[in-house]
């Protein structure tokens, strides 16, 4: 009996070691994460966390440990259900930290914060953005507008609810460059999708900020729902 128990424990430790090595590679090198939730039956999850092979940097990212009775996809769904409150709190904390970082740069006038659709797009096109902050309440359509008679091109955005009215007025506008031909919409997309594509193309990341907390409400109310933390100053003496 004792020998069987010892063999079982040794097999479990070998398994914990293999999983730890995979976690270290995947979550620190391949797909770095900001937080982890751990689930498992009875004492197994605690024994796993005590494994010496788990990198200390991952151990510091554990935000919750939960009892889970199943394995496979069913077990993952159960873990996510049990961890949803912790995950929600973690997201809110992360969002508030980002907003506070943005406000700190803005308050100290470091030149590493900007806001407004035009300003953020300009910074993205210059690959100067580290993080785009966009409110979950931003509901706008971004359009590429061209002239059918010359090479004029511009981009504009309107609130989704105002799109139909904008489209009607556009048909009555003459091109500001040739002043003869009419303008038309070449391409359109929702603003969040457009900003996310720009961010991905320049190595930045986009974070959607909830309005459920004070900092998120301020992003939408005071800054138009669009802001960015920059990698470097765009203008000397900013």
Foldseek 3Di string as FASTA:
>chain_A
DVVVVVVVVVVLLVVLLVVQVVCCCCCVPVNPDQADEAEEADCSRVVSLVRPSHDVVHNVRYQYYYYFDDDDPVRVVVRCVVCVVSVVVVLQVVLVVVLVVQVVCVVVVVLQKDFDDVVLLVCLVVLFFAEKEFEPPQAKKKFWKAWPPDGDIDIDMDHPVCVVVVQVVQQVDADPPVRPTGMDTPDMDTPVVVSQVSQVVSVHHYDHHYCPDDSSVCCCPVRVRIMTGTPDRPDPPD
